[in-house]
């Protein structure tokens, strides 16, 4: 079964879900950890003024939103898009709080957690990097994710950046599982209990070679390593 994740971000008129409204929703779909291109993006008319401090953050104005749809106009499509997916959100209580408040204003809708599971990348980052800054910009620097377009916050742009950060944060090998063997096999395995020998007769090895984009990305990563720690071992002659 395919694993479907939606990286989501919102922009709002202010900070209080009971008082303020969502004005932009940006979603990026990952299917089996690959960008699918099936994104969801909409600006919304909030029927209230945007706080000046919020405009400083995202740059979205009341005039720009004057002819945009309202949340009620897109709620059904949004829920259908999100249903059954795992939401990936940075500081999830903020966005889910606003989504729940918007859905609660309408008839026939449940809380967002009734439609999908939620993964908070801020919680994940704090567990991986305790005591360090774990804002989206800080994580971009830590994982070498390009955020140069992020002059202002924007829901779709931030969702795209968070997707890259999330994939980088979770891209390492999870675990190497070896079947345990009985003590009676210790002699056969040279005393290396926990290692099971595999019969290789008839097995063929599939070789998947890196493409040009992957090779370029590898070289860029080596350049980044070299800038911080000196020449990478993969480029040292004789190593």
C-alpha atoms as a PDB file:
ATOM      1  CA  UNK A   1       0.000   0.000   0.000  1.00  0.00           C
ATOM      2  CA  UNK A   2       1.275   3.457  -0.869  1.00  0.00           C
ATOM      3  CA  UNK A   3       2.266   5.762   1.980  1.00  0.00           C
ATOM      4  CA  UNK A   4       0.607   9.135   1.457  1.00  0.00           C
ATOM      5  CA  UNK A   5       1.751  12.192   3.405  1.00  0.00           C
ATOM      6  CA  UNK A   6       0.649  15.808   3.087  1.00  0.00           C
ATOM      7  CA  UNK A   7       3.070  18.525   4.155  1.00  0.00           C
ATOM      8  CA  UNK A   8       0.830  21.415   5.229  1.00  0.00           C
ATOM      9  CA  UNK A   9       1.213  25.039   6.242  1.00  0.00           C
ATOM     10  CA  UNK A  10      -1.181  27.929   6.774  1.00  0.00           C
ATOM     11  CA  UNK A  11      -1.043  31.706   7.009  1.00  0.00           C
ATOM     12  CA  UNK A  12      -3.525  33.563   9.185  1.00  0.00           C
ATOM     13  CA  UNK A  13      -4.835  37.001  10.121  1.00  0.00           C
ATOM     14  CA  UNK A  14      -3.312  36.681  13.605  1.00  0.00           C
ATOM     15  CA  UNK A  15      -2.415  34.254  16.357  1.00  0.00           C
ATOM     16  CA  UNK A  16      -5.717  33.291  18.062  1.00  0.00           C
ATOM     17  CA  UNK A  17      -7.816  30.604  16.302  1.00  0.00           C
ATOM     18  CA  UNK A  18     -11.062  31.659  18.012  1.00  0.00           C
ATOM     19  CA  UNK A  19     -10.607  35.253  16.860  1.00  0.00           C
ATOM     20  CA  UNK A  20      -8.527  35.070  13.696  1.00  0.00           C
ATOM     21  CA  UNK A  21      -8.942  33.270  10.381  1.00  0.00           C
ATOM     22  CA  UNK A  22      -6.919  31.283   7.859  1.00  0.00           C
ATOM     23  CA  UNK A  23      -6.016  33.258   4.738  1.00  0.00           C
ATOM     24  CA  UNK A  24      -3.741  30.781   2.915  1.00  0.00           C
ATOM     25  CA  UNK A  25      -3.439  27.002   2.870  1.00  0.00           C
ATOM     26  CA  UNK A  26      -0.525  25.285   1.150  1.00  0.00           C
ATOM     27  CA  UNK A  27      -0.172  21.499   0.851  1.00  0.00           C
ATOM     28  CA  UNK A  28       2.478  19.344  -0.824  1.00  0.00           C
ATOM     29  CA  UNK A  29       1.795  15.649  -1.383  1.00  0.00           C
ATOM     30  CA  UNK A  30       4.397  12.934  -0.817  1.00  0.00           C
ATOM     31  CA  UNK A  31       3.661   9.420  -2.040  1.00  0.00           C
ATOM     32  CA  UNK A  32       6.166   6.848  -0.777  1.00  0.00           C
ATOM     33  CA  UNK A  33       8.464   9.767   0.129  1.00  0.00           C
ATOM     34  CA  UNK A  34       8.410  11.211  -3.379  1.00  0.00           C
ATOM     35  CA  UNK A  35       6.877  14.527  -4.424  1.00  0.00           C
ATOM     36  CA  UNK A  36       3.813  13.701  -6.509  1.00  0.00           C
ATOM     37  CA  UNK A  37       2.996  17.196  -7.822  1.00  0.00           C
ATOM     38  CA  UNK A  38      -0.574  16.787  -6.544  1.00  0.00           C
ATOM     39  CA  UNK A  39      -0.548  19.912  -4.389  1.00  0.00           C
ATOM     40  CA  UNK A  40      -3.349  21.976  -2.862  1.00  0.00           C
ATOM     41  CA  UNK A  41      -3.061  25.756  -2.603  1.00  0.00           C
ATOM     42  CA  UNK A  42      -5.636  28.438  -1.980  1.00  0.00           C
ATOM     43  CA  UNK A  43      -5.889  32.010  -0.677  1.00  0.00           C
ATOM     44  CA  UNK A  44      -8.977  32.827   1.399  1.00  0.00           C
ATOM     45  CA  UNK A  45     -11.112  35.869   2.152  1.00  0.00           C
ATOM     46  CA  UNK A  46     -11.227  36.022   5.976  1.00  0.00           C
ATOM     47  CA  UNK A  47     -14.083  38.527   6.427  1.00  0.00           C
ATOM     48  CA  UNK A  48     -11.981  40.488   8.901  1.00  0.00           C
ATOM     49  CA  UNK A  49      -8.923  42.733   8.921  1.00  0.00           C
ATOM     50  CA  UNK A  50      -5.460  41.187   8.989  1.00  0.00           C
ATOM     51  CA  UNK A  51      -3.314  42.239  11.946  1.00  0.00           C
ATOM     52  CA  UNK A  52      -0.475  44.552  10.952  1.00  0.00           C
ATOM     53  CA  UNK A  53       2.031  42.244  12.678  1.00  0.00           C
ATOM     54  CA  UNK A  54       0.777  39.312  10.588  1.00  0.00           C
ATOM     55  CA  UNK A  55       1.157  41.282   7.358  1.00  0.00           C
ATOM     56  CA  UNK A  56       4.776  41.938   8.346  1.00  0.00           C
ATOM     57  CA  UNK A  57       5.317  38.173   8.513  1.00  0.00           C
ATOM     58  CA  UNK A  58       3.590  36.964   5.342  1.00  0.00           C
ATOM     59  CA  UNK A  59       2.967  40.115   3.290  1.00  0.00           C
ATOM     60  CA  UNK A  60      -0.631  39.172   2.415  1.00  0.00           C
ATOM     61  CA  UNK A  61      -2.979  42.169   2.410  1.00  0.00           C
ATOM     62  CA  UNK A  62      -6.723  42.651   2.798  1.00  0.00           C
ATOM     63  CA  UNK A  63      -6.881  44.119  -0.697  1.00  0.00           C
ATOM     64  CA  UNK A  64      -5.262  41.045  -2.226  1.00  0.00           C
ATOM     65  CA  UNK A  65      -7.811  38.742  -0.560  1.00  0.00           C
ATOM     66  CA  UNK A  66     -10.896  40.793  -1.427  1.00  0.00           C
ATOM     67  CA  UNK A  67     -11.972  38.557  -4.344  1.00  0.00           C
ATOM     68  CA  UNK A  68     -10.782  35.219  -2.937  1.00  0.00           C
ATOM     69  CA  UNK A  69     -13.090  32.357  -1.833  1.00  0.00           C
ATOM     70  CA  UNK A  70     -14.010  31.802   1.805  1.00  0.00           C
ATOM     71  CA  UNK A  71     -13.029  28.744   3.844  1.00  0.00           C
ATOM     72  CA  UNK A  72     -16.578  27.391   3.550  1.00  0.00           C
ATOM     73  CA  UNK A  73     -16.165  27.361  -0.237  1.00  0.00           C
ATOM     74  CA  UNK A  74     -13.123  25.059  -0.125  1.00  0.00           C
ATOM     75  CA  UNK A  75     -13.737  23.014   3.046  1.00  0.00           C
ATOM     76  CA  UNK A  76     -15.208  19.983   1.289  1.00  0.00           C
ATOM     77  CA  UNK A  77     -12.407  19.816  -1.288  1.00  0.00           C
ATOM     78  CA  UNK A  78      -9.770  20.300   1.407  1.00  0.00           C
ATOM     79  CA  UNK A  79     -11.108  17.505   3.618  1.00  0.00           C
ATOM     80  CA  UNK A  80     -11.370  15.170   0.631  1.00  0.00           C
ATOM     81  CA  UNK A  81      -7.745  15.945  -0.257  1.00  0.00           C
ATOM     82  CA  UNK A  82      -6.453  15.417   3.294  1.00  0.00           C
ATOM     83  CA  UNK A  83      -8.564  12.402   4.242  1.00  0.00           C
ATOM     84  CA  UNK A  84      -6.554   9.310   5.116  1.00  0.00           C
ATOM     85  CA  UNK A  85      -3.142  10.963   4.764  1.00  0.00           C
ATOM     86  CA  UNK A  86      -0.550  11.665   7.432  1.00  0.00           C
ATOM     87  CA  UNK A  87      -0.164  15.423   7.854  1.00  0.00           C
ATOM     88  CA  UNK A  88       3.404  16.665   8.278  1.00  0.00           C
ATOM     89  CA  UNK A  89       3.350  20.091   9.967  1.00  0.00           C
ATOM     90  CA  UNK A  90       5.981  22.216  11.719  1.00  0.00           C
ATOM     91  CA  UNK A  91       4.507  23.310  15.071  1.00  0.00           C
ATOM     92  CA  UNK A  92       1.353  21.339  14.345  1.00  0.00           C
ATOM     93  CA  UNK A  93      -0.857  22.689  17.197  1.00  0.00           C
ATOM     94  CA  UNK A  94      -0.885  26.124  15.551  1.00  0.00           C
ATOM     95  CA  UNK A  95      -2.112  24.949  12.143  1.00  0.00           C
ATOM     96  CA  UNK A  96      -4.439  22.223  13.395  1.00  0.00           C
ATOM     97  CA  UNK A  97      -5.906  24.655  15.915  1.00  0.00           C
ATOM     98  CA  UNK A  98      -6.827  27.048  13.116  1.00  0.00           C
ATOM     99  CA  UNK A  99      -8.129  24.251  10.872  1.00  0.00           C
ATOM    100  CA  UNK A 100     -10.281  22.889  13.709  1.00  0.00           C
ATOM    101  CA  UNK A 101     -11.641  26.376  14.440  1.00  0.00           C
ATOM    102  CA  UNK A 102     -12.540  26.890  10.784  1.00  0.00           C
ATOM    103  CA  UNK A 103     -14.201  23.459  10.510  1.00  0.00           C
ATOM    104  CA  UNK A 104     -16.088  24.051  13.770  1.00  0.00           C
ATOM    105  CA  UNK A 105     -17.706  27.147  12.249  1.00  0.00           C
ATOM    106  CA  UNK A 106     -19.307  24.936   9.604  1.00  0.00           C
ATOM    107  CA  UNK A 107     -21.923  22.199   9.806  1.00  0.00           C
ATOM    108  CA  UNK A 108     -21.104  18.571   9.088  1.00  0.00           C
ATOM    109  CA  UNK A 109     -17.350  18.580   9.689  1.00  0.00           C
ATOM    110  CA  UNK A 110     -15.200  16.958  12.378  1.00  0.00           C
ATOM    111  CA  UNK A 111     -11.809  17.888  13.792  1.00  0.00           C
ATOM    112  CA  UNK A 112      -8.868  17.547  11.426  1.00  0.00           C
ATOM    113  CA  UNK A 113      -7.496  14.626  13.493  1.00  0.00           C
ATOM    114  CA  UNK A 114     -10.666  12.675  12.651  1.00  0.00           C
ATOM    115  CA  UNK A 115      -9.651  12.735   8.980  1.00  0.00           C
ATOM    116  CA  UNK A 116      -5.922  12.119   9.200  1.00  0.00           C
ATOM    117  CA  UNK A 117      -2.954  11.523  11.492  1.00  0.00           C
ATOM    118  CA  UNK A 118      -0.597  14.389  12.321  1.00  0.00           C
ATOM    119  CA  UNK A 119       3.202  14.362  12.589  1.00  0.00           C
ATOM    120  CA  UNK A 120       4.833  17.429  14.158  1.00  0.00           C
ATOM    121  CA  UNK A 121       8.309  18.059  12.723  1.00  0.00           C
ATOM    122  CA  UNK A 122       9.059  20.582  15.475  1.00  0.00           C
ATOM    123  CA  UNK A 123       8.668  17.839  18.095  1.00  0.00           C
ATOM    124  CA  UNK A 124      10.778  15.533  15.919  1.00  0.00           C
ATOM    125  CA  UNK A 125      13.503  18.174  15.523  1.00  0.00           C
ATOM    126  CA  UNK A 126      13.616  18.867  19.284  1.00  0.00           C
ATOM    127  CA  UNK A 127      14.141  15.160  19.914  1.00  0.00           C
ATOM    128  CA  UNK A 128      16.895  14.977  17.292  1.00  0.00           C
ATOM    129  CA  UNK A 129      18.576  18.273  18.241  1.00  0.00           C
ATOM    130  CA  UNK A 130      17.844  19.025  21.920  1.00  0.00           C
ATOM    131  CA  UNK A 131      18.854  22.459  23.128  1.00  0.00           C
ATOM    132  CA  UNK A 132      19.280  23.837  19.602  1.00  0.00           C
ATOM    133  CA  UNK A 133      17.204  26.214  17.487  1.00  0.00           C
ATOM    134  CA  UNK A 134      14.665  24.209  15.517  1.00  0.00           C
ATOM    135  CA  UNK A 135      12.789  26.813  13.513  1.00  0.00           C
ATOM    136  CA  UNK A 136      12.209  26.013   9.854  1.00  0.00           C
ATOM    137  CA  UNK A 137      15.018  28.390   8.842  1.00  0.00           C
ATOM    138  CA  UNK A 138      17.385  26.830  11.391  1.00  0.00           C
ATOM    139  CA  UNK A 139      16.605  23.360  10.062  1.00  0.00           C
ATOM    140  CA  UNK A 140      17.193  24.546   6.491  1.00  0.00           C
ATOM    141  CA  UNK A 141      20.695  25.595   7.525  1.00  0.00           C
ATOM    142  CA  UNK A 142      21.305  22.357   9.418  1.00  0.00           C
ATOM    143  CA  UNK A 143      20.164  20.116   6.564  1.00  0.00           C
ATOM    144  CA  UNK A 144      21.457  22.256   3.679  1.00  0.00           C
ATOM    145  CA  UNK A 145      17.957  22.975   2.302  1.00  0.00           C
ATOM    146  CA  UNK A 146      17.660  26.050   0.063  1.00  0.00           C
ATOM    147  CA  UNK A 147      15.346  28.643   1.633  1.00  0.00           C
ATOM    148  CA  UNK A 148      16.636  31.645  -0.311  1.00  0.00           C
ATOM    149  CA  UNK A 149      13.150  32.382  -1.708  1.00  0.00           C
ATOM    150  CA  UNK A 150      11.742  32.781   1.807  1.00  0.00           C
ATOM    151  CA  UNK A 151      11.784  36.583   2.144  1.00  0.00           C
ATOM    152  CA  UNK A 152       8.290  36.330   3.665  1.00  0.00           C
ATOM    153  CA  UNK A 153       6.353  33.392   5.040  1.00  0.00           C
ATOM    154  CA  UNK A 154       4.036  31.738   2.514  1.00  0.00           C
ATOM    155  CA  UNK A 155       1.968  28.610   3.068  1.00  0.00           C
ATOM    156  CA  UNK A 156       2.808  26.807  -0.176  1.00  0.00           C
ATOM    157  CA  UNK A 157       6.458  27.885  -0.199  1.00  0.00           C
ATOM    158  CA  UNK A 158       6.915  26.877   3.436  1.00  0.00           C
ATOM    159  CA  UNK A 159       5.221  23.521   2.786  1.00  0.00           C
ATOM    160  CA  UNK A 160       7.612  22.899  -0.121  1.00  0.00           C
ATOM    161  CA  UNK A 161      10.612  23.801   2.054  1.00  0.00           C
ATOM    162  CA  UNK A 162       9.334  21.700   4.961  1.00  0.00           C
ATOM    163  CA  UNK A 163       8.921  18.714   2.625  1.00  0.00           C
ATOM    164  CA  UNK A 164      12.622  18.953   1.755  1.00  0.00           C
ATOM    165  CA  UNK A 165      13.567  19.352   5.429  1.00  0.00           C
ATOM    166  CA  UNK A 166      11.390  16.420   6.493  1.00  0.00           C
ATOM    167  CA  UNK A 167      12.870  14.134   3.833  1.00  0.00           C
ATOM    168  CA  UNK A 168      16.379  15.164   4.917  1.00  0.00           C
ATOM    169  CA  UNK A 169      15.566  14.651   8.608  1.00  0.00           C
ATOM    170  CA  UNK A 170      14.180  11.173   7.988  1.00  0.00           C
ATOM    171  CA  UNK A 171      16.425  10.097   5.127  1.00  0.00           C
ATOM    172  CA  UNK A 172      18.937   8.062   7.140  1.00  0.00           C
ATOM    173  CA  UNK A 173      18.833   4.308   7.457  1.00  0.00           C
ATOM    174  CA  UNK A 174      16.285   3.416  10.087  1.00  0.00           C
ATOM    175  CA  UNK A 175      17.559   0.101  11.445  1.00  0.00           C
ATOM    176  CA  UNK A 176      19.431  -2.976  10.338  1.00  0.00           C
ATOM    177  CA  UNK A 177      17.493  -6.032  11.450  1.00  0.00           C
ATOM    178  CA  UNK A 178      19.339  -9.331  11.642  1.00  0.00           C
ATOM    179  CA  UNK A 179      17.536 -12.564  12.427  1.00  0.00           C
ATOM    180  CA  UNK A 180      18.804 -14.146  15.603  1.00  0.00           C
ATOM    181  CA  UNK A 181      20.236 -17.628  15.339  1.00  0.00           C
ATOM    182  CA  UNK A 182      20.427 -20.311  17.955  1.00  0.00           C
ATOM    183  CA  UNK A 183      23.499 -20.942  19.989  1.00  0.00           C
ATOM    184  CA  UNK A 184      23.964 -24.223  18.124  1.00  0.00           C
ATOM    185  CA  UNK A 185      24.824 -22.215  14.982  1.00  0.00           C
ATOM    186  CA  UNK A 186      27.696 -20.358  16.610  1.00  0.00           C
ATOM    187  CA  UNK A 187      30.294 -22.794  15.313  1.00  0.00           C
ATOM    188  CA  UNK A 188      28.955 -22.627  11.739  1.00  0.00           C
ATOM    189  CA  UNK A 189      28.898 -18.832  11.801  1.00  0.00           C
ATOM    190  CA  UNK A 190      32.367 -18.480  13.224  1.00  0.00           C
ATOM    191  CA  UNK A 191      31.012 -17.520  16.635  1.00  0.00           C
ATOM    192  CA  UNK A 192      29.041 -14.546  15.251  1.00  0.00           C
ATOM    193  CA  UNK A 193      25.688 -15.187  16.869  1.00  0.00           C
ATOM    194  CA  UNK A 194      22.850 -13.075  15.460  1.00  0.00           C
ATOM    195  CA  UNK A 195      23.942 -13.401  11.828  1.00  0.00           C
ATOM    196  CA  UNK A 196      21.954 -15.653   9.487  1.00  0.00           C
ATOM    197  CA  UNK A 197      23.655 -16.894   6.346  1.00  0.00           C
ATOM    198  CA  UNK A 198      21.631 -16.512   3.140  1.00  0.00           C
ATOM    199  CA  UNK A 199      21.841 -18.964   0.263  1.00  0.00           C
ATOM    200  CA  UNK A 200      22.735 -16.925  -2.821  1.00  0.00           C
ATOM    201  CA  UNK A 201      22.362 -19.599  -5.493  1.00  0.00           C
ATOM    202  CA  UNK A 202      20.157 -18.319  -8.312  1.00  0.00           C
ATOM    203  CA  UNK A 203      20.014 -14.774  -6.918  1.00  0.00           C
ATOM    204  CA  UNK A 204      20.689 -11.881  -9.288  1.00  0.00           C
ATOM    205  CA  UNK A 205      21.923  -8.497  -8.202  1.00  0.00           C
ATOM    206  CA  UNK A 206      20.036  -5.488  -9.562  1.00  0.00           C
ATOM    207  CA  UNK A 207      22.305  -2.478 -10.102  1.00  0.00           C
ATOM    208  CA  UNK A 208      20.650   0.938 -10.180  1.00  0.00           C
ATOM    209  CA  UNK A 209      23.073   3.628 -11.263  1.00  0.00           C
ATOM    210  CA  UNK A 210      22.810   7.232 -10.141  1.00  0.00           C
ATOM    211  CA  UNK A 211      21.383   9.693 -12.649  1.00  0.00           C
ATOM    212  CA  UNK A 212      22.830  13.086 -13.527  1.00  0.00           C
ATOM    213  CA  UNK A 213      20.678  14.929 -10.965  1.00  0.00           C
ATOM    214  CA  UNK A 214      21.686  12.496  -8.207  1.00  0.00           C
ATOM    215  CA  UNK A 215      25.371  12.789  -9.140  1.00  0.00           C
ATOM    216  CA  UNK A 216      25.109  16.581  -9.093  1.00  0.00           C
ATOM    217  CA  UNK A 217      23.379  16.469  -5.701  1.00  0.00           C
ATOM    218  CA  UNK A 218      26.156  14.185  -4.405  1.00  0.00           C
ATOM    219  CA  UNK A 219      28.841  16.587  -5.578  1.00  0.00           C
ATOM    220  CA  UNK A 220      26.990  19.497  -3.967  1.00  0.00           C
ATOM    221  CA  UNK A 221      26.848  17.584  -0.677  1.00  0.00           C
ATOM    222  CA  UNK A 222      30.594  16.879  -0.843  1.00  0.00           C
ATOM    223  CA  UNK A 223      31.209  20.595  -1.475  1.00  0.00           C
ATOM    224  CA  UNK A 224      29.142  21.427   1.622  1.00  0.00           C
ATOM    225  CA  UNK A 225      31.127  18.911   3.707  1.00  0.00           C
ATOM    226  CA  UNK A 226      34.399  20.315   2.397  1.00  0.00           C
ATOM    227  CA  UNK A 227      33.369  23.859   3.324  1.00  0.00           C
ATOM    228  CA  UNK A 228      32.885  22.840   6.956  1.00  0.00           C
ATOM    229  CA  UNK A 229      35.238  19.942   7.617  1.00  0.00           C
ATOM    230  CA  UNK A 230      37.779  19.902   4.802  1.00  0.00           C
ATOM    231  CA  UNK A 231      38.003  17.595   1.824  1.00  0.00           C
ATOM    232  CA  UNK A 232      35.635  14.636   2.119  1.00  0.00           C
ATOM    233  CA  UNK A 233      37.181  11.163   2.236  1.00  0.00           C
ATOM    234  CA  UNK A 234      35.420  10.218  -0.995  1.00  0.00           C
ATOM    235  CA  UNK A 235      37.597  12.741  -2.849  1.00  0.00           C
ATOM    236  CA  UNK A 236      40.907  11.878  -1.192  1.00  0.00           C
ATOM    237  CA  UNK A 237      43.196   9.938  -3.541  1.00  0.00           C
ATOM    238  CA  UNK A 238      44.053   6.497  -2.266  1.00  0.00           C
ATOM    239  CA  UNK A 239      41.210   6.322   0.262  1.00  0.00           C
END
